[in-house]
Amino acid sequence: MTVRKTMLAASAAALMSTPVWAIPSQASSSHANGHAPKTTPVGPPSNRPADEHGLVKGKSGAPSNHGKSHKCSPHKVAFIVSGTLVELIGFHENTDGTFSGEIKLTVKRTNHHARGEKEGTVEKTYTLTNVHVTFGLSDVNKDGKVNLEDVKAGDRVKLIGKVTKIAKKCDHTHFEAQKTIRKVVFNAAS
């Protein structure tokens, strides 16, 4: 009985590890001859012209970036800055529930993509447009709701967004980083 169970388990393991195309009874009609399926792409070769290096040109006629690193073209990476609030300048709620205006804060921490924000003056002013705001505060003015009126100087602020980057080894002559803040989080002072 034990030998029977062992043999049954061994044959089941062998069947599960065998590719479908290798089992004659399970092979499709196109693979009935016992040959493995093709792994090369099917279809006509590209009719796009290649340049002198063999690179296929894109639809615009310029060489395609296929297979090249994206590091030398601007790409967005995370941008996070946190600190304490100095003041809100014209910061208001829009009709769609987002907020716009300026926030002045003392920068305390950043992620590595925003580390330049801690250099020089640590008080920075950020102009924000249509950002989402999260209020992690208590109802300071006791009006029954937590909103912009409950925010005061000294509260903790976190700005979350994206910044465009290219690699250090690439040409930076005409590149200027673009910051886009999409979210602001206010928390009570610790």
N, C-alpha and C. Protein backbone atom coordinates (compact mmCIF):
# COMPACT_ATOMS: atom_id res chain seq x y z
N MET A 1 0.82 -1.18 0.00
CA MET A 1 0.00 0.00 0.00
C MET A 1 0.87 1.25 0.00
N THR A 2 1.95 1.29 0.79
CA THR A 2 2.84 2.43 0.85
C THR A 2 3.59 2.61 -0.47
N VAL A 3 4.00 1.52 -1.10
CA VAL A 3 4.69 1.59 -2.38
C VAL A 3 3.75 2.16 -3.43
N ARG A 4 2.49 1.76 -3.38
CA ARG A 4 1.50 2.23 -4.34
C ARG A 4 1.32 3.75 -4.21
N LYS A 5 1.22 4.26 -2.98
CA LYS A 5 1.07 5.71 -2.76
C LYS A 5 2.30 6.47 -3.23
N THR A 6 3.49 5.91 -2.98
CA THR A 6 4.73 6.56 -3.41
C THR A 6 4.81 6.62 -4.92
N MET A 7 4.46 5.53 -5.59
CA MET A 7 4.49 5.51 -7.05
C MET A 7 3.47 6.49 -7.63
N LEU A 8 2.29 6.55 -7.02
CA LEU A 8 1.25 7.47 -7.48
C LEU A 8 1.71 8.92 -7.33
N ALA A 9 2.33 9.26 -6.21
CA ALA A 9 2.83 10.62 -5.99
C ALA A 9 3.96 10.95 -6.95
N ALA A 10 4.85 10.00 -7.22
CA ALA A 10 5.97 10.24 -8.13
C ALA A 10 5.48 10.45 -9.56
N SER A 11 4.51 9.65 -9.99
CA SER A 11 4.02 9.83 -11.36
C SER A 11 3.23 11.13 -11.49
N ALA A 12 2.51 11.55 -10.46
CA ALA A 12 1.79 12.83 -10.50
C ALA A 12 2.78 13.98 -10.59
N ALA A 13 3.86 13.92 -9.84
CA ALA A 13 4.89 14.97 -9.88
C ALA A 13 5.55 15.04 -11.25
N ALA A 14 5.79 13.90 -11.85
CA ALA A 14 6.41 13.87 -13.19
C ALA A 14 5.49 14.47 -14.23
N LEU A 15 4.20 14.18 -14.14
CA LEU A 15 3.24 14.74 -15.10
C LEU A 15 3.11 16.25 -14.94
N MET A 16 3.14 16.72 -13.69
CA MET A 16 2.98 18.16 -13.47
C MET A 16 4.21 18.93 -13.91
N SER A 17 5.38 18.33 -13.90
CA SER A 17 6.59 19.05 -14.30
C SER A 17 6.87 18.94 -15.79
N THR A 18 6.10 18.14 -16.53
CA THR A 18 6.29 17.98 -17.97
C THR A 18 5.50 19.04 -18.71
N PRO A 19 6.11 19.75 -19.66
CA PRO A 19 5.36 20.75 -20.43
C PRO A 19 4.25 20.08 -21.25
N VAL A 20 3.18 20.81 -21.46
CA VAL A 20 2.02 20.27 -22.18
C VAL A 20 2.40 19.83 -23.58
N TRP A 21 3.25 20.59 -24.25
CA TRP A 21 3.59 20.25 -25.63
C TRP A 21 4.38 18.96 -25.75
N ALA A 22 4.98 18.51 -24.63
CA ALA A 22 5.79 17.30 -24.67
C ALA A 22 4.97 16.04 -24.46
N ILE A 23 3.72 16.19 -24.02
CA ILE A 23 2.86 15.03 -23.80
C ILE A 23 2.05 14.82 -25.08
N PRO A 24 2.28 13.72 -25.82
CA PRO A 24 1.62 13.52 -27.11
C PRO A 24 0.09 13.56 -27.03
N SER A 25 -0.51 12.99 -26.00
CA SER A 25 -1.96 12.95 -25.93
C SER A 25 -2.55 14.33 -25.61
N GLN A 26 -1.79 15.23 -25.01
CA GLN A 26 -2.28 16.55 -24.64
C GLN A 26 -1.88 17.61 -25.65
N ALA A 27 -1.06 17.27 -26.62
CA ALA A 27 -0.57 18.27 -27.57
C ALA A 27 -1.68 18.72 -28.49
N SER A 28 -1.63 19.97 -28.89
CA SER A 28 -2.62 20.49 -29.83
C SER A 28 -2.32 19.94 -31.22
N SER A 29 -3.24 20.12 -32.15
CA SER A 29 -3.06 19.57 -33.49
C SER A 29 -1.84 20.16 -34.18
N SER A 30 -1.47 21.42 -33.88
CA SER A 30 -0.32 22.01 -34.54
C SER A 30 1.00 21.46 -33.99
N HIS A 31 0.94 20.88 -32.82
CA HIS A 31 2.17 20.34 -32.22
C HIS A 31 2.12 18.81 -32.13
N ALA A 32 1.27 18.20 -32.90
CA ALA A 32 1.11 16.74 -32.83
C ALA A 32 2.35 16.01 -33.31
N ASN A 33 3.20 16.71 -34.05
CA ASN A 33 4.40 16.07 -34.55
C ASN A 33 5.49 15.95 -33.50
N GLY A 34 5.24 16.47 -32.26
CA GLY A 34 6.19 16.32 -31.18
C GLY A 34 7.20 17.44 -31.08
N HIS A 35 7.12 18.44 -31.95
CA HIS A 35 8.07 19.55 -31.89
C HIS A 35 7.60 20.59 -30.88
N ALA A 36 8.55 21.26 -30.29
CA ALA A 36 8.24 22.33 -29.33
C ALA A 36 7.65 23.52 -30.07
N PRO A 37 6.82 24.33 -29.40
CA PRO A 37 6.27 25.51 -30.07
C PRO A 37 7.36 26.53 -30.35
N LYS A 38 7.14 27.34 -31.36
CA LYS A 38 8.11 28.38 -31.72
C LYS A 38 8.14 29.46 -30.64
N THR A 39 9.31 29.99 -30.36
CA THR A 39 9.41 31.07 -29.39
C THR A 39 9.70 32.40 -30.08
N THR A 40 9.86 32.38 -31.38
CA THR A 40 10.11 33.63 -32.10
C THR A 40 8.79 34.27 -32.45
N PRO A 41 8.73 35.61 -32.54
CA PRO A 41 7.49 36.27 -32.86
C PRO A 41 7.04 35.93 -34.28
N VAL A 42 5.75 35.88 -34.45
CA VAL A 42 5.17 35.55 -35.74
C VAL A 42 4.72 36.84 -36.40
N GLY A 43 4.91 36.96 -37.68
CA GLY A 43 4.45 38.13 -38.41
C GLY A 43 5.52 38.63 -39.35
N PRO A 44 5.14 39.54 -40.22
CA PRO A 44 6.10 40.04 -41.19
C PRO A 44 7.14 40.94 -40.51
N PRO A 45 8.33 41.02 -41.06
CA PRO A 45 9.35 41.91 -40.48
C PRO A 45 8.91 43.36 -40.63
N SER A 46 9.47 44.21 -39.79
CA SER A 46 9.11 45.62 -39.81
C SER A 46 9.50 46.26 -41.14
N ASN A 47 8.60 47.10 -41.66
CA ASN A 47 8.92 47.78 -42.91
C ASN A 47 9.41 49.20 -42.66
N ARG A 48 9.69 49.51 -41.40
CA ARG A 48 10.24 50.82 -41.07
C ARG A 48 11.73 50.83 -41.37
N PRO A 49 12.23 51.93 -41.90
CA PRO A 49 13.66 51.97 -42.24
C PRO A 49 14.53 52.04 -40.99
N ALA A 50 15.71 51.49 -41.11
CA ALA A 50 16.67 51.53 -40.02
C ALA A 50 17.74 52.57 -40.34
N ASP A 51 18.35 53.12 -39.28
CA ASP A 51 19.43 54.08 -39.51
C ASP A 51 20.74 53.33 -39.73
N GLU A 52 21.85 54.05 -39.82
CA GLU A 52 23.14 53.43 -40.13
C GLU A 52 23.63 52.48 -39.04
N HIS A 53 23.04 52.56 -37.82
CA HIS A 53 23.44 51.68 -36.73
C HIS A 53 22.50 50.48 -36.59
N GLY A 54 21.52 50.39 -37.47
CA GLY A 54 20.59 49.28 -37.41
C GLY A 54 19.39 49.54 -36.51
N LEU A 55 19.29 50.76 -35.95
CA LEU A 55 18.15 51.08 -35.10
C LEU A 55 16.94 51.40 -35.97
N VAL A 56 15.83 50.80 -35.64
CA VAL A 56 14.61 51.05 -36.39
C VAL A 56 14.09 52.43 -36.02
N LYS A 57 13.77 53.22 -37.00
CA LYS A 57 13.28 54.56 -36.75
C LYS A 57 11.82 54.51 -36.39
N GLY A 58 11.40 55.44 -35.52
CA GLY A 58 10.00 55.54 -35.11
C GLY A 58 9.16 56.13 -36.23
N LYS A 59 7.87 56.36 -35.93
CA LYS A 59 6.95 56.88 -36.94
C LYS A 59 7.35 58.27 -37.40
N SER A 60 8.00 59.04 -36.54
CA SER A 60 8.39 60.41 -36.91
C SER A 60 9.67 60.43 -37.74
N GLY A 61 10.34 59.31 -37.89
CA GLY A 61 11.58 59.26 -38.64
C GLY A 61 12.81 59.32 -37.75
N ALA A 62 12.61 59.70 -36.48
CA ALA A 62 13.72 59.76 -35.53
C ALA A 62 13.97 58.35 -34.99
N PRO A 63 15.21 58.06 -34.56
CA PRO A 63 15.47 56.74 -34.00
C PRO A 63 14.59 56.48 -32.79
N SER A 64 14.13 55.27 -32.66
CA SER A 64 13.27 54.88 -31.55
C SER A 64 14.10 54.77 -30.28
N ASN A 65 13.48 55.07 -29.12
CA ASN A 65 14.15 54.94 -27.83
C ASN A 65 14.02 53.54 -27.26
N HIS A 66 13.47 52.62 -28.05
CA HIS A 66 13.29 51.26 -27.57
C HIS A 66 14.64 50.65 -27.20
N GLY A 67 14.74 50.16 -25.98
CA GLY A 67 15.97 49.52 -25.53
C GLY A 67 16.96 50.49 -24.91
N LYS A 68 16.66 51.79 -24.95
CA LYS A 68 17.57 52.77 -24.34
C LYS A 68 17.09 53.11 -22.94
N SER A 69 17.99 53.55 -22.09
CA SER A 69 17.64 53.92 -20.73
C SER A 69 16.79 55.17 -20.72
N HIS A 70 15.82 55.22 -19.81
CA HIS A 70 14.97 56.40 -19.67
C HIS A 70 15.61 57.45 -18.78
N LYS A 71 16.77 57.15 -18.22
CA LYS A 71 17.37 58.06 -17.25
C LYS A 71 17.78 59.40 -17.85
N CYS A 72 18.09 59.45 -19.13
CA CYS A 72 18.49 60.71 -19.75
C CYS A 72 17.31 61.48 -20.32
N SER A 73 16.12 60.95 -20.23
CA SER A 73 14.94 61.72 -20.59
C SER A 73 14.22 62.06 -19.28
N PRO A 74 13.65 63.27 -19.18
CA PRO A 74 13.00 63.66 -17.92
C PRO A 74 11.89 62.67 -17.53
N HIS A 75 11.93 62.22 -16.30
CA HIS A 75 10.91 61.34 -15.77
C HIS A 75 10.56 61.79 -14.36
N LYS A 76 9.35 61.47 -13.91
CA LYS A 76 8.87 61.94 -12.61
C LYS A 76 9.23 60.96 -11.52
N VAL A 77 9.65 61.54 -10.38
CA VAL A 77 9.96 60.74 -9.20
C VAL A 77 9.28 61.39 -8.00
N ALA A 78 9.18 60.66 -6.90
CA ALA A 78 8.49 61.16 -5.71
C ALA A 78 9.22 62.36 -5.10
N PHE A 79 8.42 63.32 -4.62
CA PHE A 79 8.93 64.54 -4.00
C PHE A 79 8.16 64.72 -2.70
N ILE A 80 8.85 64.59 -1.56
CA ILE A 80 8.20 64.71 -0.26
C ILE A 80 9.02 65.65 0.62
N VAL A 81 8.34 66.68 1.12
CA VAL A 81 8.96 67.66 2.02
C VAL A 81 8.07 67.77 3.24
N SER A 82 8.66 67.77 4.44
CA SER A 82 7.88 67.96 5.65
C SER A 82 8.59 68.93 6.57
N GLY A 83 7.80 69.62 7.37
CA GLY A 83 8.34 70.61 8.29
C GLY A 83 7.24 71.24 9.11
N THR A 84 7.51 72.43 9.63
CA THR A 84 6.51 73.13 10.44
C THR A 84 6.01 74.36 9.69
N LEU A 85 4.74 74.65 9.85
CA LEU A 85 4.09 75.75 9.15
C LEU A 85 4.53 77.09 9.73
N VAL A 86 4.92 78.00 8.84
CA VAL A 86 5.22 79.38 9.23
C VAL A 86 3.98 80.23 8.99
N GLU A 87 3.44 80.19 7.76
CA GLU A 87 2.21 80.91 7.47
C GLU A 87 1.58 80.42 6.17
N LEU A 88 0.27 80.68 6.05
CA LEU A 88 -0.48 80.42 4.82
C LEU A 88 -0.71 81.76 4.15
N ILE A 89 -0.37 81.87 2.86
CA ILE A 89 -0.51 83.12 2.13
C ILE A 89 -1.54 82.92 1.03
N GLY A 90 -2.72 83.50 1.22
CA GLY A 90 -3.77 83.38 0.21
C GLY A 90 -4.22 81.95 -0.02
N PHE A 91 -4.04 81.07 0.93
CA PHE A 91 -4.41 79.67 0.80
C PHE A 91 -5.92 79.56 1.02
N HIS A 92 -6.63 79.02 0.04
CA HIS A 92 -8.09 78.97 0.09
C HIS A 92 -8.62 77.70 -0.56
N GLU A 93 -9.90 77.39 -0.24
CA GLU A 93 -10.54 76.22 -0.83
C GLU A 93 -11.21 76.61 -2.13
N ASN A 94 -11.02 75.81 -3.17
CA ASN A 94 -11.64 76.02 -4.47
C ASN A 94 -13.05 75.42 -4.48
N THR A 95 -13.81 75.71 -5.51
CA THR A 95 -15.18 75.20 -5.60
C THR A 95 -15.24 73.69 -5.75
N ASP A 96 -14.18 73.07 -6.30
CA ASP A 96 -14.17 71.61 -6.48
C ASP A 96 -13.63 70.86 -5.26
N GLY A 97 -13.35 71.55 -4.16
CA GLY A 97 -12.87 70.90 -2.94
C GLY A 97 -11.36 70.84 -2.83
N THR A 98 -10.64 71.26 -3.86
CA THR A 98 -9.18 71.32 -3.78
C THR A 98 -8.78 72.67 -3.21
N PHE A 99 -7.49 72.86 -2.96
CA PHE A 99 -7.00 74.10 -2.36
C PHE A 99 -5.91 74.71 -3.23
N SER A 100 -5.79 76.03 -3.18
CA SER A 100 -4.74 76.75 -3.91
C SER A 100 -4.21 77.87 -3.02
N GLY A 101 -2.99 78.32 -3.29
CA GLY A 101 -2.37 79.39 -2.53
C GLY A 101 -0.91 79.08 -2.26
N GLU A 102 -0.35 79.78 -1.28
CA GLU A 102 1.05 79.57 -0.92
C GLU A 102 1.17 79.10 0.52
N ILE A 103 2.14 78.23 0.73
CA ILE A 103 2.45 77.74 2.08
C ILE A 103 3.92 78.02 2.35
N LYS A 104 4.17 78.67 3.45
CA LYS A 104 5.55 78.93 3.88
C LYS A 104 5.82 78.02 5.06
N LEU A 105 6.88 77.23 4.97
CA LEU A 105 7.20 76.31 6.05
C LEU A 105 8.70 76.21 6.28
N THR A 106 9.03 75.77 7.48
CA THR A 106 10.42 75.48 7.83
C THR A 106 10.67 74.02 7.51
N VAL A 107 11.53 73.75 6.55
CA VAL A 107 11.78 72.38 6.09
C VAL A 107 12.61 71.64 7.12
N LYS A 108 12.10 70.47 7.55
CA LYS A 108 12.82 69.63 8.52
C LYS A 108 13.33 68.34 7.89
N ARG A 109 12.48 67.71 7.06
CA ARG A 109 12.83 66.42 6.46
C ARG A 109 12.40 66.40 5.00
N THR A 110 13.13 65.60 4.20
CA THR A 110 12.78 65.40 2.80
C THR A 110 13.11 63.96 2.40
N ASN A 111 12.55 63.52 1.30
CA ASN A 111 13.03 62.27 0.74
C ASN A 111 14.28 62.58 -0.09
N HIS A 112 14.95 61.58 -0.63
CA HIS A 112 16.23 61.84 -1.31
C HIS A 112 16.08 62.62 -2.61
N HIS A 113 14.90 62.60 -3.24
CA HIS A 113 14.71 63.38 -4.47
C HIS A 113 14.50 64.87 -4.17
N ALA A 114 14.16 65.20 -2.92
CA ALA A 114 13.90 66.59 -2.54
C ALA A 114 14.97 67.12 -1.60
N ARG A 115 16.10 66.45 -1.50
CA ARG A 115 17.11 66.84 -0.52
C ARG A 115 17.66 68.25 -0.74
N GLY A 116 17.56 68.79 -1.95
CA GLY A 116 18.01 70.15 -2.22
C GLY A 116 17.17 71.19 -1.50
N GLU A 117 15.99 70.82 -1.03
CA GLU A 117 15.11 71.76 -0.32
C GLU A 117 15.65 72.11 1.06
N LYS A 118 16.56 71.32 1.60
CA LYS A 118 17.13 71.60 2.92
C LYS A 118 18.38 72.47 2.85
N GLU A 119 18.87 72.71 1.63
CA GLU A 119 20.08 73.51 1.47
C GLU A 119 19.74 74.99 1.55
N GLY A 120 20.67 75.79 2.04
CA GLY A 120 20.46 77.24 2.11
C GLY A 120 19.42 77.58 3.17
N THR A 121 18.48 78.43 2.80
CA THR A 121 17.43 78.85 3.71
C THR A 121 16.49 77.68 3.96
N VAL A 122 16.20 77.39 5.21
CA VAL A 122 15.31 76.28 5.51
C VAL A 122 13.84 76.71 5.48
N GLU A 123 13.55 78.02 5.44
CA GLU A 123 12.18 78.49 5.27
C GLU A 123 11.92 78.62 3.78
N LYS A 124 10.98 77.84 3.29
CA LYS A 124 10.66 77.82 1.87
C LYS A 124 9.18 78.14 1.68
N THR A 125 8.88 78.80 0.56
CA THR A 125 7.51 79.10 0.20
C THR A 125 7.16 78.30 -1.06
N TYR A 126 6.04 77.57 -1.00
CA TYR A 126 5.59 76.74 -2.11
C TYR A 126 4.26 77.27 -2.62
N THR A 127 4.17 77.49 -3.92
CA THR A 127 2.92 77.91 -4.55
C THR A 127 2.21 76.65 -5.02
N LEU A 128 0.99 76.46 -4.54
CA LEU A 128 0.23 75.25 -4.82
C LEU A 128 -1.04 75.57 -5.58
N THR A 129 -1.41 74.70 -6.51
CA THR A 129 -2.62 74.88 -7.30
C THR A 129 -3.38 73.57 -7.33
N ASN A 130 -4.64 73.61 -6.94
CA ASN A 130 -5.55 72.46 -6.98
C ASN A 130 -4.98 71.22 -6.30
N VAL A 131 -4.55 71.37 -5.04
CA VAL A 131 -4.03 70.24 -4.28
C VAL A 131 -5.10 69.70 -3.35
N HIS A 132 -4.97 68.44 -3.03
CA HIS A 132 -5.87 67.81 -2.06
C HIS A 132 -5.26 68.01 -0.67
N VAL A 133 -6.11 68.27 0.31
CA VAL A 133 -5.62 68.54 1.66
C VAL A 133 -6.25 67.54 2.63
N THR A 134 -5.42 67.01 3.53
CA THR A 134 -5.87 66.15 4.61
C THR A 134 -5.61 66.87 5.92
N PHE A 135 -6.64 66.99 6.74
CA PHE A 135 -6.50 67.66 8.03
C PHE A 135 -6.43 66.59 9.12
N GLY A 136 -5.25 66.39 9.68
CA GLY A 136 -5.06 65.46 10.79
C GLY A 136 -5.03 66.24 12.09
N LEU A 137 -5.97 67.15 12.24
CA LEU A 137 -6.02 68.06 13.38
C LEU A 137 -7.28 67.82 14.19
N SER A 138 -7.32 68.40 15.38
CA SER A 138 -8.56 68.41 16.15
C SER A 138 -9.29 69.72 15.84
N ASP A 139 -10.54 69.79 16.23
CA ASP A 139 -11.37 70.98 15.99
C ASP A 139 -10.96 72.06 16.98
N VAL A 140 -9.99 72.89 16.61
CA VAL A 140 -9.41 73.89 17.51
C VAL A 140 -10.42 74.98 17.84
N ASN A 141 -11.17 75.47 16.86
CA ASN A 141 -12.09 76.58 17.11
C ASN A 141 -13.48 76.11 17.53
N LYS A 142 -13.68 74.83 17.74
CA LYS A 142 -14.92 74.23 18.26
C LYS A 142 -16.15 74.61 17.44
N ASP A 143 -16.02 74.63 16.09
CA ASP A 143 -17.18 74.94 15.25
C ASP A 143 -17.84 73.68 14.68
N GLY A 144 -17.36 72.51 15.10
CA GLY A 144 -17.97 71.26 14.68
C GLY A 144 -17.36 70.63 13.44
N LYS A 145 -16.38 71.25 12.82
CA LYS A 145 -15.73 70.68 11.65
C LYS A 145 -14.25 71.04 11.66
N VAL A 146 -13.46 70.15 11.07
CA VAL A 146 -12.02 70.38 10.96
C VAL A 146 -11.75 70.88 9.55
N ASN A 147 -11.24 72.09 9.45
CA ASN A 147 -10.97 72.68 8.14
C ASN A 147 -9.79 73.63 8.24
N LEU A 148 -9.64 74.49 7.26
CA LEU A 148 -8.51 75.41 7.17
C LEU A 148 -8.43 76.37 8.35
N GLU A 149 -9.57 76.67 8.96
CA GLU A 149 -9.60 77.58 10.10
C GLU A 149 -8.93 77.00 11.34
N ASP A 150 -8.76 75.68 11.39
CA ASP A 150 -8.12 75.02 12.52
C ASP A 150 -6.60 74.94 12.39
N VAL A 151 -6.07 75.33 11.23
CA VAL A 151 -4.62 75.28 10.99
C VAL A 151 -3.98 76.53 11.58
N LYS A 152 -2.86 76.33 12.28
CA LYS A 152 -2.16 77.48 12.88
C LYS A 152 -0.66 77.30 12.69
N ALA A 153 0.08 78.39 12.85
CA ALA A 153 1.54 78.35 12.74
C ALA A 153 2.10 77.37 13.76
N GLY A 154 3.10 76.61 13.35
CA GLY A 154 3.71 75.61 14.22
C GLY A 154 3.18 74.20 13.97
N ASP A 155 2.06 74.07 13.24
CA ASP A 155 1.54 72.75 12.90
C ASP A 155 2.50 72.06 11.93
N ARG A 156 2.48 70.74 11.94
CA ARG A 156 3.32 69.97 11.03
C ARG A 156 2.67 69.92 9.65
N VAL A 157 3.48 70.04 8.62
CA VAL A 157 3.00 70.03 7.23
C VAL A 157 3.82 69.04 6.42
N LYS A 158 3.15 68.27 5.57
CA LYS A 158 3.84 67.38 4.63
C LYS A 158 3.32 67.68 3.24
N LEU A 159 4.23 67.94 2.31
CA LEU A 159 3.90 68.17 0.90
C LEU A 159 4.31 66.93 0.12
N ILE A 160 3.37 66.40 -0.67
CA ILE A 160 3.62 65.18 -1.43
C ILE A 160 3.36 65.46 -2.90
N GLY A 161 4.30 65.09 -3.75
CA GLY A 161 4.13 65.33 -5.18
C GLY A 161 5.16 64.62 -6.01
N LYS A 162 5.45 65.21 -7.17
CA LYS A 162 6.43 64.64 -8.11
C LYS A 162 7.38 65.75 -8.56
N VAL A 163 8.58 65.35 -8.94
CA VAL A 163 9.56 66.26 -9.53
C VAL A 163 10.21 65.54 -10.70
N THR A 164 10.50 66.29 -11.78
CA THR A 164 11.15 65.66 -12.93
C THR A 164 12.65 65.59 -12.67
N LYS A 165 13.26 64.49 -13.07
CA LYS A 165 14.69 64.24 -12.87
C LYS A 165 15.28 63.63 -14.12
N ILE A 166 16.59 63.80 -14.28
CA ILE A 166 17.38 63.01 -15.22
C ILE A 166 18.64 62.60 -14.47
N ALA A 167 19.31 61.58 -14.94
CA ALA A 167 20.47 61.04 -14.25
C ALA A 167 21.62 62.05 -14.23
N LYS A 168 22.49 61.93 -13.23
CA LYS A 168 23.63 62.83 -13.07
C LYS A 168 24.57 62.80 -14.27
N LYS A 169 24.72 61.63 -14.89
CA LYS A 169 25.67 61.49 -16.00
C LYS A 169 25.17 62.12 -17.30
N CYS A 170 23.90 62.53 -17.33
CA CYS A 170 23.30 63.08 -18.56
C CYS A 170 23.54 64.58 -18.65
N ASP A 171 23.33 65.12 -19.84
CA ASP A 171 23.51 66.55 -20.11
C ASP A 171 22.39 67.35 -19.44
N HIS A 172 22.75 68.29 -18.54
CA HIS A 172 21.78 69.10 -17.80
C HIS A 172 21.68 70.53 -18.31
N THR A 173 22.22 70.84 -19.48
CA THR A 173 22.29 72.23 -19.93
C THR A 173 20.92 72.87 -20.11
N HIS A 174 19.96 72.17 -20.68
CA HIS A 174 18.64 72.76 -20.93
C HIS A 174 17.56 72.17 -20.03
N PHE A 175 17.97 71.46 -18.98
CA PHE A 175 17.00 70.80 -18.11
C PHE A 175 16.71 71.64 -16.88
N GLU A 176 15.44 71.80 -16.57
CA GLU A 176 15.02 72.47 -15.34
C GLU A 176 13.96 71.59 -14.68
N ALA A 177 14.19 71.23 -13.43
CA ALA A 177 13.26 70.34 -12.72
C ALA A 177 11.91 71.03 -12.51
N GLN A 178 10.84 70.30 -12.74
CA GLN A 178 9.48 70.80 -12.55
C GLN A 178 8.85 70.09 -11.36
N LYS A 179 8.45 70.85 -10.33
CA LYS A 179 7.81 70.28 -9.15
C LYS A 179 6.30 70.40 -9.30
N THR A 180 5.61 69.34 -8.94
CA THR A 180 4.15 69.34 -8.93
C THR A 180 3.70 68.76 -7.60
N ILE A 181 3.14 69.59 -6.74
CA ILE A 181 2.62 69.12 -5.45
C ILE A 181 1.16 68.75 -5.66
N ARG A 182 0.76 67.56 -5.23
CA ARG A 182 -0.62 67.13 -5.41
C ARG A 182 -1.37 66.95 -4.10
N LYS A 183 -0.64 66.87 -2.96
CA LYS A 183 -1.30 66.65 -1.69
C LYS A 183 -0.57 67.36 -0.56
N VAL A 184 -1.37 67.89 0.39
CA VAL A 184 -0.82 68.53 1.59
C VAL A 184 -1.48 67.87 2.79
N VAL A 185 -0.68 67.53 3.80
CA VAL A 185 -1.21 66.94 5.02
C VAL A 185 -0.84 67.85 6.20
N PHE A 186 -1.87 68.30 6.93
CA PHE A 186 -1.65 69.11 8.12
C PHE A 186 -1.87 68.23 9.34
N ASN A 187 -0.93 68.27 10.30
CA ASN A 187 -1.05 67.57 11.58
C ASN A 187 -0.73 68.54 12.70
N ALA A 188 -1.27 68.27 13.87
CA ALA A 188 -1.02 69.13 15.01
C ALA A 188 0.45 69.09 15.40
N ALA A 189 0.92 70.17 15.98
CA ALA A 189 2.32 70.23 16.43
C ALA A 189 2.56 69.15 17.47
N SER A 190 3.76 68.55 17.42
CA SER A 190 4.06 67.46 18.35
C SER A 190 4.51 67.99 19.69
